[in-house]
């Protein structure tokens, strides 16, 4: 199937590793012109070179962006337009906030998580919309967490602001539909990334169980019986931003191997 992504201008934030990196690589493999960002220039350059080498696509560029800083976001979008003359796809991604229960976090933690995991998405969407409206089309994907369907223990900050992403996406799907801009939220379950490994280690320390036991118990809760691979998650993201999707918008979808039982 031709996903009609050849030459499309794609921005992927927090793309130096994990789900962002896998997503950027999949877009590049489909021939898109991809701009990746994160806060580490060194890691970005390594990721850029790796994606170029593995996909044979030289239209992969990188730029440093602190998504908690509004000017940095403006510069990111301007860079994409400078390189490609347009923005067709935005993948909003951000690292998760610290683990903790309600009594473990203070006002500073709440403000920082808000800026990182919700306000950054608002700001980046605001910057790309004029370009998408001008061409009367666009795709936006907001990466969240399986907590959009079922809260995760010991992740009060993530649970709160990931839910906000769903509200944002659903509301915008109504406002942006006349401009042929589709927006969806995708929540990963337990995908084999550094973030999930870190959370398993936190749970191991909290419960006093070995890391391997914590991971094995988590895998048993997944009907498919294993953690997902970042590439499997990326497949869903890229499909929803492709020419194959012209009608799905405002949805909150999980890529979790059947882990979450809630409707």
C-alpha atoms as a PDB file:
ATOM      1  CA  UNK A   1       0.000   0.000   0.000  1.00  0.00           C
ATOM      2  CA  UNK A   2       1.266   3.454  -0.912  1.00  0.00           C
ATOM      3  CA  UNK A   3       0.834   5.553   2.233  1.00  0.00           C
ATOM      4  CA  UNK A   4       1.266   8.748   0.181  1.00  0.00           C
ATOM      5  CA  UNK A   5       3.942  10.123   2.502  1.00  0.00           C
ATOM      6  CA  UNK A   6       6.643  10.707  -0.090  1.00  0.00           C
ATOM      7  CA  UNK A   7       7.910  14.269   0.312  1.00  0.00           C
ATOM      8  CA  UNK A   8       5.553  15.126   3.169  1.00  0.00           C
ATOM      9  CA  UNK A   9       6.958  17.517   5.778  1.00  0.00           C
ATOM     10  CA  UNK A  10       6.900  15.888   9.218  1.00  0.00           C
ATOM     11  CA  UNK A  11       7.894  17.259  12.632  1.00  0.00           C
ATOM     12  CA  UNK A  12       8.565  14.780  15.454  1.00  0.00           C
ATOM     13  CA  UNK A  13       9.378  16.161  18.910  1.00  0.00           C
ATOM     14  CA  UNK A  14      11.308  14.252  21.597  1.00  0.00           C
ATOM     15  CA  UNK A  15      12.668  12.107  18.788  1.00  0.00           C
ATOM     16  CA  UNK A  16      16.232  11.299  19.800  1.00  0.00           C
ATOM     17  CA  UNK A  17      15.170   7.973  21.320  1.00  0.00           C
ATOM     18  CA  UNK A  18      12.248   5.754  22.208  1.00  0.00           C
ATOM     19  CA  UNK A  19       8.864   6.129  20.542  1.00  0.00           C
ATOM     20  CA  UNK A  20       9.745   9.444  18.909  1.00  0.00           C
ATOM     21  CA  UNK A  21      12.813   7.962  17.264  1.00  0.00           C
ATOM     22  CA  UNK A  22      10.937   4.882  16.043  1.00  0.00           C
ATOM     23  CA  UNK A  23       8.189   7.078  14.631  1.00  0.00           C
ATOM     24  CA  UNK A  24      10.624   9.374  12.835  1.00  0.00           C
ATOM     25  CA  UNK A  25      12.401   6.368  11.350  1.00  0.00           C
ATOM     26  CA  UNK A  26       9.141   4.928  10.017  1.00  0.00           C
ATOM     27  CA  UNK A  27       8.191   8.225   8.374  1.00  0.00           C
ATOM     28  CA  UNK A  28      11.642   8.424   6.798  1.00  0.00           C
ATOM     29  CA  UNK A  29      11.292   4.871   5.486  1.00  0.00           C
ATOM     30  CA  UNK A  30       8.113   5.996   3.727  1.00  0.00           C
ATOM     31  CA  UNK A  31       9.971   8.838   2.001  1.00  0.00           C
ATOM     32  CA  UNK A  32       8.827  11.747   4.170  1.00  0.00           C
ATOM     33  CA  UNK A  33      11.010  14.770   4.893  1.00  0.00           C
ATOM     34  CA  UNK A  34      11.456  14.522   8.651  1.00  0.00           C
ATOM     35  CA  UNK A  35      12.619  17.114  11.177  1.00  0.00           C
ATOM     36  CA  UNK A  36      13.454  15.614  14.559  1.00  0.00           C
ATOM     37  CA  UNK A  37      13.966  17.535  17.772  1.00  0.00           C
ATOM     38  CA  UNK A  38      14.954  17.091  21.386  1.00  0.00           C
ATOM     39  CA  UNK A  39      17.086  18.979  23.908  1.00  0.00           C
ATOM     40  CA  UNK A  40      20.309  17.077  23.172  1.00  0.00           C
ATOM     41  CA  UNK A  41      22.117  18.055  19.981  1.00  0.00           C
ATOM     42  CA  UNK A  42      24.575  15.181  20.345  1.00  0.00           C
ATOM     43  CA  UNK A  43      21.830  12.559  20.622  1.00  0.00           C
ATOM     44  CA  UNK A  44      19.878  14.166  17.788  1.00  0.00           C
ATOM     45  CA  UNK A  45      22.820  14.014  15.405  1.00  0.00           C
ATOM     46  CA  UNK A  46      23.387  10.345  16.220  1.00  0.00           C
ATOM     47  CA  UNK A  47      19.709   9.583  15.654  1.00  0.00           C
ATOM     48  CA  UNK A  48      19.610  11.599  12.419  1.00  0.00           C
ATOM     49  CA  UNK A  49      22.617   9.760  11.020  1.00  0.00           C
ATOM     50  CA  UNK A  50      21.203   6.390  12.069  1.00  0.00           C
ATOM     51  CA  UNK A  51      17.847   7.062  10.422  1.00  0.00           C
ATOM     52  CA  UNK A  52      19.473   8.294   7.229  1.00  0.00           C
ATOM     53  CA  UNK A  53      21.706   5.228   7.071  1.00  0.00           C
ATOM     54  CA  UNK A  54      18.967   2.682   7.806  1.00  0.00           C
ATOM     55  CA  UNK A  55      16.307   4.178   5.530  1.00  0.00           C
ATOM     56  CA  UNK A  56      18.426   5.609   2.730  1.00  0.00           C
ATOM     57  CA  UNK A  57      16.537   8.891   3.148  1.00  0.00           C
ATOM     58  CA  UNK A  58      18.771  11.959   3.290  1.00  0.00           C
ATOM     59  CA  UNK A  59      15.803  14.254   3.985  1.00  0.00           C
ATOM     60  CA  UNK A  60      16.108  13.797   7.738  1.00  0.00           C
ATOM     61  CA  UNK A  61      17.219  16.879   9.648  1.00  0.00           C
ATOM     62  CA  UNK A  62      17.512  17.776  13.302  1.00  0.00           C
ATOM     63  CA  UNK A  63      17.194  20.847  15.469  1.00  0.00           C
ATOM     64  CA  UNK A  64      17.438  21.365  19.206  1.00  0.00           C
ATOM     65  CA  UNK A  65      14.126  22.278  20.823  1.00  0.00           C
ATOM     66  CA  UNK A  66      13.124  22.717  24.442  1.00  0.00           C
ATOM     67  CA  UNK A  67       9.385  22.165  24.215  1.00  0.00           C
ATOM     68  CA  UNK A  68       8.811  23.975  27.503  1.00  0.00           C
ATOM     69  CA  UNK A  69      10.068  27.180  25.846  1.00  0.00           C
ATOM     70  CA  UNK A  70       7.718  28.975  23.465  1.00  0.00           C
ATOM     71  CA  UNK A  71      10.450  30.611  21.373  1.00  0.00           C
ATOM     72  CA  UNK A  72      12.158  27.256  20.921  1.00  0.00           C
ATOM     73  CA  UNK A  73       8.881  25.841  19.594  1.00  0.00           C
ATOM     74  CA  UNK A  74       8.488  28.770  17.190  1.00  0.00           C
ATOM     75  CA  UNK A  75      12.027  28.174  15.924  1.00  0.00           C
ATOM     76  CA  UNK A  76      11.300  24.470  15.425  1.00  0.00           C
ATOM     77  CA  UNK A  77       8.288  25.098  13.196  1.00  0.00           C
ATOM     78  CA  UNK A  78      10.091  27.858  11.312  1.00  0.00           C
ATOM     79  CA  UNK A  79      12.932  25.419  10.627  1.00  0.00           C
ATOM     80  CA  UNK A  80      10.533  22.868   9.149  1.00  0.00           C
ATOM     81  CA  UNK A  81       9.018  25.511   6.868  1.00  0.00           C
ATOM     82  CA  UNK A  82      12.477  26.752   5.885  1.00  0.00           C
ATOM     83  CA  UNK A  83      13.538  23.217   4.949  1.00  0.00           C
ATOM     84  CA  UNK A  84      10.369  21.964   3.273  1.00  0.00           C
ATOM     85  CA  UNK A  85       8.158  24.970   2.607  1.00  0.00           C
ATOM     86  CA  UNK A  86       5.277  23.499   4.601  1.00  0.00           C
ATOM     87  CA  UNK A  87       4.206  21.329   7.537  1.00  0.00           C
ATOM     88  CA  UNK A  88       2.010  18.325   6.726  1.00  0.00           C
ATOM     89  CA  UNK A  89       2.341  16.300   9.913  1.00  0.00           C
ATOM     90  CA  UNK A  90       3.018  17.116  13.563  1.00  0.00           C
ATOM     91  CA  UNK A  91       3.855  14.389  16.058  1.00  0.00           C
ATOM     92  CA  UNK A  92       3.639  15.874  19.542  1.00  0.00           C
ATOM     93  CA  UNK A  93       5.744  13.873  21.965  1.00  0.00           C
ATOM     94  CA  UNK A  94       7.329  14.556  25.347  1.00  0.00           C
ATOM     95  CA  UNK A  95       9.077  12.597  28.046  1.00  0.00           C
ATOM     96  CA  UNK A  96       6.927  11.543  30.950  1.00  0.00           C
ATOM     97  CA  UNK A  97       6.914  13.410  34.272  1.00  0.00           C
ATOM     98  CA  UNK A  98       8.369  11.840  37.439  1.00  0.00           C
ATOM     99  CA  UNK A  99       6.564   8.941  39.087  1.00  0.00           C
ATOM    100  CA  UNK A 100       4.821   9.555  42.387  1.00  0.00           C
ATOM    101  CA  UNK A 101       1.598   9.493  44.370  1.00  0.00           C
ATOM    102  CA  UNK A 102      -0.412  12.641  45.182  1.00  0.00           C
ATOM    103  CA  UNK A 103       1.426  13.237  48.467  1.00  0.00           C
ATOM    104  CA  UNK A 104       4.808  12.881  46.766  1.00  0.00           C
ATOM    105  CA  UNK A 105       4.530  15.882  44.441  1.00  0.00           C
ATOM    106  CA  UNK A 106       4.479  19.616  45.104  1.00  0.00           C
ATOM    107  CA  UNK A 107       3.354  22.698  43.204  1.00  0.00           C
ATOM    108  CA  UNK A 108       6.607  22.932  41.268  1.00  0.00           C
ATOM    109  CA  UNK A 109       6.158  19.336  40.092  1.00  0.00           C
ATOM    110  CA  UNK A 110       2.613  20.119  38.930  1.00  0.00           C
ATOM    111  CA  UNK A 111       3.671  23.246  37.034  1.00  0.00           C
ATOM    112  CA  UNK A 112       6.601  21.502  35.360  1.00  0.00           C
ATOM    113  CA  UNK A 113       4.470  18.542  34.295  1.00  0.00           C
ATOM    114  CA  UNK A 114       1.813  20.909  32.940  1.00  0.00           C
ATOM    115  CA  UNK A 115       4.367  22.774  30.822  1.00  0.00           C
ATOM    116  CA  UNK A 116       6.029  19.603  29.564  1.00  0.00           C
ATOM    117  CA  UNK A 117       3.072  17.329  28.980  1.00  0.00           C
ATOM    118  CA  UNK A 118       0.178  19.600  28.049  1.00  0.00           C
ATOM    119  CA  UNK A 119       1.087  23.230  27.394  1.00  0.00           C
ATOM    120  CA  UNK A 120       3.907  22.208  25.038  1.00  0.00           C
ATOM    121  CA  UNK A 121       1.364  20.363  22.885  1.00  0.00           C
ATOM    122  CA  UNK A 122      -0.919  23.410  22.842  1.00  0.00           C
ATOM    123  CA  UNK A 123       1.917  25.689  21.792  1.00  0.00           C
ATOM    124  CA  UNK A 124       3.258  23.420  19.044  1.00  0.00           C
ATOM    125  CA  UNK A 125      -0.202  22.912  17.568  1.00  0.00           C
ATOM    126  CA  UNK A 126      -0.753  26.667  17.616  1.00  0.00           C
ATOM    127  CA  UNK A 127       2.431  27.192  15.575  1.00  0.00           C
ATOM    128  CA  UNK A 128       1.698  24.606  12.865  1.00  0.00           C
ATOM    129  CA  UNK A 129      -1.965  25.443  12.320  1.00  0.00           C
ATOM    130  CA  UNK A 130      -1.459  28.478  10.045  1.00  0.00           C
ATOM    131  CA  UNK A 131       0.629  26.328   7.691  1.00  0.00           C
ATOM    132  CA  UNK A 132      -1.845  23.445   7.694  1.00  0.00           C
ATOM    133  CA  UNK A 133      -4.816  25.759   7.213  1.00  0.00           C
ATOM    134  CA  UNK A 134      -3.094  27.440   4.278  1.00  0.00           C
ATOM    135  CA  UNK A 135      -2.913  24.123   2.418  1.00  0.00           C
ATOM    136  CA  UNK A 136      -6.279  22.910   3.782  1.00  0.00           C
ATOM    137  CA  UNK A 137      -4.925  19.652   5.147  1.00  0.00           C
ATOM    138  CA  UNK A 138      -2.817  18.218   7.902  1.00  0.00           C
ATOM    139  CA  UNK A 139      -2.396  15.470  10.469  1.00  0.00           C
ATOM    140  CA  UNK A 140      -1.623  15.904  14.150  1.00  0.00           C
ATOM    141  CA  UNK A 141      -0.908  13.049  16.532  1.00  0.00           C
ATOM    142  CA  UNK A 142      -0.549  13.616  20.262  1.00  0.00           C
ATOM    143  CA  UNK A 143       1.385  10.853  21.982  1.00  0.00           C
ATOM    144  CA  UNK A 144       0.085  10.128  25.464  1.00  0.00           C
ATOM    145  CA  UNK A 145      -0.136   6.945  27.566  1.00  0.00           C
ATOM    146  CA  UNK A 146      -2.440   4.015  28.229  1.00  0.00           C
ATOM    147  CA  UNK A 147      -3.558   6.077  31.247  1.00  0.00           C
ATOM    148  CA  UNK A 148      -5.925   7.929  28.894  1.00  0.00           C
ATOM    149  CA  UNK A 149      -8.169   4.885  29.328  1.00  0.00           C
ATOM    150  CA  UNK A 150      -7.086   3.551  32.719  1.00  0.00           C
ATOM    151  CA  UNK A 151      -4.992   5.451  35.318  1.00  0.00           C
ATOM    152  CA  UNK A 152      -1.636   3.934  36.215  1.00  0.00           C
ATOM    153  CA  UNK A 153      -0.684   3.548  39.864  1.00  0.00           C
ATOM    154  CA  UNK A 154       2.047   5.881  41.136  1.00  0.00           C
ATOM    155  CA  UNK A 155       1.811   8.194  38.108  1.00  0.00           C
ATOM    156  CA  UNK A 156      -0.505  10.967  39.333  1.00  0.00           C
ATOM    157  CA  UNK A 157       1.127  13.666  37.177  1.00  0.00           C
ATOM    158  CA  UNK A 158       1.046  11.641  33.989  1.00  0.00           C
ATOM    159  CA  UNK A 159      -2.509  10.434  34.605  1.00  0.00           C
ATOM    160  CA  UNK A 160      -3.737  13.999  35.012  1.00  0.00           C
ATOM    161  CA  UNK A 161      -2.107  15.695  32.053  1.00  0.00           C
ATOM    162  CA  UNK A 162      -2.429  12.801  29.603  1.00  0.00           C
ATOM    163  CA  UNK A 163      -6.187  13.016  30.183  1.00  0.00           C
ATOM    164  CA  UNK A 164      -5.943  16.704  29.327  1.00  0.00           C
ATOM    165  CA  UNK A 165      -4.382  15.804  25.989  1.00  0.00           C
ATOM    166  CA  UNK A 166      -7.445  13.737  25.133  1.00  0.00           C
ATOM    167  CA  UNK A 167      -9.736  16.656  25.920  1.00  0.00           C
ATOM    168  CA  UNK A 168      -7.598  18.959  23.815  1.00  0.00           C
ATOM    169  CA  UNK A 169      -7.546  16.573  20.843  1.00  0.00           C
ATOM    170  CA  UNK A 170     -11.264  15.864  20.961  1.00  0.00           C
ATOM    171  CA  UNK A 171     -12.142  19.545  21.140  1.00  0.00           C
ATOM    172  CA  UNK A 172      -9.769  20.471  18.330  1.00  0.00           C
ATOM    173  CA  UNK A 173     -11.055  17.673  16.109  1.00  0.00           C
ATOM    174  CA  UNK A 174     -14.342  19.574  15.950  1.00  0.00           C
ATOM    175  CA  UNK A 175     -12.717  22.942  15.288  1.00  0.00           C
ATOM    176  CA  UNK A 176     -10.215  21.723  12.707  1.00  0.00           C
ATOM    177  CA  UNK A 177     -12.386  19.367  10.662  1.00  0.00           C
ATOM    178  CA  UNK A 178     -13.549  22.144   8.264  1.00  0.00           C
ATOM    179  CA  UNK A 179      -9.867  22.726   7.445  1.00  0.00           C
ATOM    180  CA  UNK A 180      -9.361  19.019   6.709  1.00  0.00           C
ATOM    181  CA  UNK A 181      -6.929  18.731   9.630  1.00  0.00           C
ATOM    182  CA  UNK A 182      -7.219  15.436  11.473  1.00  0.00           C
ATOM    183  CA  UNK A 183      -6.049  15.113  15.066  1.00  0.00           C
ATOM    184  CA  UNK A 184      -5.856  11.981  17.203  1.00  0.00           C
ATOM    185  CA  UNK A 185      -4.336  10.801  20.471  1.00  0.00           C
ATOM    186  CA  UNK A 186      -2.385   7.552  20.686  1.00  0.00           C
ATOM    187  CA  UNK A 187      -1.473   5.982  24.011  1.00  0.00           C
ATOM    188  CA  UNK A 188       1.265   3.378  24.245  1.00  0.00           C
ATOM    189  CA  UNK A 189       0.910   0.535  26.690  1.00  0.00           C
ATOM    190  CA  UNK A 190       4.045  -1.207  27.872  1.00  0.00           C
ATOM    191  CA  UNK A 191       6.405  -0.673  24.966  1.00  0.00           C
ATOM    192  CA  UNK A 192      10.064  -1.649  25.309  1.00  0.00           C
ATOM    193  CA  UNK A 193      11.575   1.810  25.834  1.00  0.00           C
ATOM    194  CA  UNK A 194      13.924   3.350  28.402  1.00  0.00           C
ATOM    195  CA  UNK A 195      10.931   5.083  29.995  1.00  0.00           C
ATOM    196  CA  UNK A 196       9.119   1.800  30.667  1.00  0.00           C
ATOM    197  CA  UNK A 197      12.318   0.184  31.949  1.00  0.00           C
ATOM    198  CA  UNK A 198      12.732   3.122  34.344  1.00  0.00           C
ATOM    199  CA  UNK A 199       9.170   2.774  35.624  1.00  0.00           C
ATOM    200  CA  UNK A 200       9.689  -0.960  36.164  1.00  0.00           C
ATOM    201  CA  UNK A 201      12.803  -0.154  38.203  1.00  0.00           C
ATOM    202  CA  UNK A 202      10.850   2.388  40.268  1.00  0.00           C
ATOM    203  CA  UNK A 203       8.179  -0.235  40.961  1.00  0.00           C
ATOM    204  CA  UNK A 204      10.846  -2.779  41.862  1.00  0.00           C
ATOM    205  CA  UNK A 205      12.346  -0.400  44.409  1.00  0.00           C
ATOM    206  CA  UNK A 206       8.924   0.461  45.807  1.00  0.00           C
ATOM    207  CA  UNK A 207       7.811  -3.162  46.236  1.00  0.00           C
ATOM    208  CA  UNK A 208      11.182  -4.682  47.081  1.00  0.00           C
ATOM    209  CA  UNK A 209      10.838  -7.170  44.220  1.00  0.00           C
ATOM    210  CA  UNK A 210      13.577  -7.922  41.683  1.00  0.00           C
ATOM    211  CA  UNK A 211      13.333  -5.952  38.448  1.00  0.00           C
ATOM    212  CA  UNK A 212      12.965  -9.139  36.405  1.00  0.00           C
ATOM    213  CA  UNK A 213       9.986 -10.224  38.523  1.00  0.00           C
ATOM    214  CA  UNK A 214       8.268  -6.860  38.132  1.00  0.00           C
ATOM    215  CA  UNK A 215       8.701  -7.011  34.365  1.00  0.00           C
ATOM    216  CA  UNK A 216       7.480 -10.620  34.189  1.00  0.00           C
ATOM    217  CA  UNK A 217       4.349  -9.731  36.158  1.00  0.00           C
ATOM    218  CA  UNK A 218       3.669  -6.819  33.815  1.00  0.00           C
ATOM    219  CA  UNK A 219       4.034  -9.070  30.775  1.00  0.00           C
ATOM    220  CA  UNK A 220       1.503 -11.501  32.258  1.00  0.00           C
ATOM    221  CA  UNK A 221      -1.055  -8.688  32.332  1.00  0.00           C
ATOM    222  CA  UNK A 222      -0.771  -8.273  28.563  1.00  0.00           C
ATOM    223  CA  UNK A 223      -2.891 -10.728  26.528  1.00  0.00           C
ATOM    224  CA  UNK A 224      -0.265 -10.853  23.774  1.00  0.00           C
ATOM    225  CA  UNK A 225       2.199 -11.817  26.510  1.00  0.00           C
ATOM    226  CA  UNK A 226       5.061  -9.410  25.873  1.00  0.00           C
ATOM    227  CA  UNK A 227       6.041  -5.770  25.733  1.00  0.00           C
ATOM    228  CA  UNK A 228       5.474  -4.101  22.392  1.00  0.00           C
ATOM    229  CA  UNK A 229       8.292  -2.908  20.186  1.00  0.00           C
ATOM    230  CA  UNK A 230       8.688   0.801  19.380  1.00  0.00           C
ATOM    231  CA  UNK A 231       8.365  -0.068  15.680  1.00  0.00           C
ATOM    232  CA  UNK A 232       4.940  -1.598  16.295  1.00  0.00           C
ATOM    233  CA  UNK A 233       3.776   1.610  17.916  1.00  0.00           C
ATOM    234  CA  UNK A 234       5.240   3.700  15.103  1.00  0.00           C
ATOM    235  CA  UNK A 235       3.269   1.721  12.519  1.00  0.00           C
ATOM    236  CA  UNK A 236      -0.011   2.956  13.998  1.00  0.00           C
ATOM    237  CA  UNK A 237       1.150   6.568  14.201  1.00  0.00           C
ATOM    238  CA  UNK A 238       2.336   6.625  10.604  1.00  0.00           C
ATOM    239  CA  UNK A 239      -0.815   4.950   9.307  1.00  0.00           C
ATOM    240  CA  UNK A 240      -3.044   7.573  10.937  1.00  0.00           C
ATOM    241  CA  UNK A 241      -0.985  10.343   9.303  1.00  0.00           C
ATOM    242  CA  UNK A 242      -0.975   8.745   5.875  1.00  0.00           C
ATOM    243  CA  UNK A 243      -3.162   9.083   2.824  1.00  0.00           C
ATOM    244  CA  UNK A 244      -4.881   5.908   3.966  1.00  0.00           C
ATOM    245  CA  UNK A 245      -6.539   7.885   6.767  1.00  0.00           C
ATOM    246  CA  UNK A 246      -8.920  10.570   5.570  1.00  0.00           C
ATOM    247  CA  UNK A 247     -11.742  10.115   8.086  1.00  0.00           C
ATOM    248  CA  UNK A 248     -10.440   9.130  11.550  1.00  0.00           C
ATOM    249  CA  UNK A 249     -10.193  12.156  13.826  1.00  0.00           C
ATOM    250  CA  UNK A 250     -10.822  13.013  17.475  1.00  0.00           C
ATOM    251  CA  UNK A 251     -10.064   9.480  18.608  1.00  0.00           C
ATOM    252  CA  UNK A 252      -8.072   8.227  21.601  1.00  0.00           C
ATOM    253  CA  UNK A 253      -6.457   4.929  20.633  1.00  0.00           C
ATOM    254  CA  UNK A 254      -4.228   2.493  22.488  1.00  0.00           C
ATOM    255  CA  UNK A 255      -1.338   0.400  21.222  1.00  0.00           C
ATOM    256  CA  UNK A 256      -1.055  -1.911  24.213  1.00  0.00           C
ATOM    257  CA  UNK A 257      -1.383  -5.554  23.196  1.00  0.00           C
ATOM    258  CA  UNK A 258      -4.824  -5.688  24.847  1.00  0.00           C
ATOM    259  CA  UNK A 259      -3.471  -4.757  28.291  1.00  0.00           C
ATOM    260  CA  UNK A 260      -6.123  -2.189  29.262  1.00  0.00           C
ATOM    261  CA  UNK A 261      -9.501  -3.768  29.972  1.00  0.00           C
ATOM    262  CA  UNK A 262     -11.485  -0.524  30.215  1.00  0.00           C
ATOM    263  CA  UNK A 263     -13.736   0.423  27.305  1.00  0.00           C
END
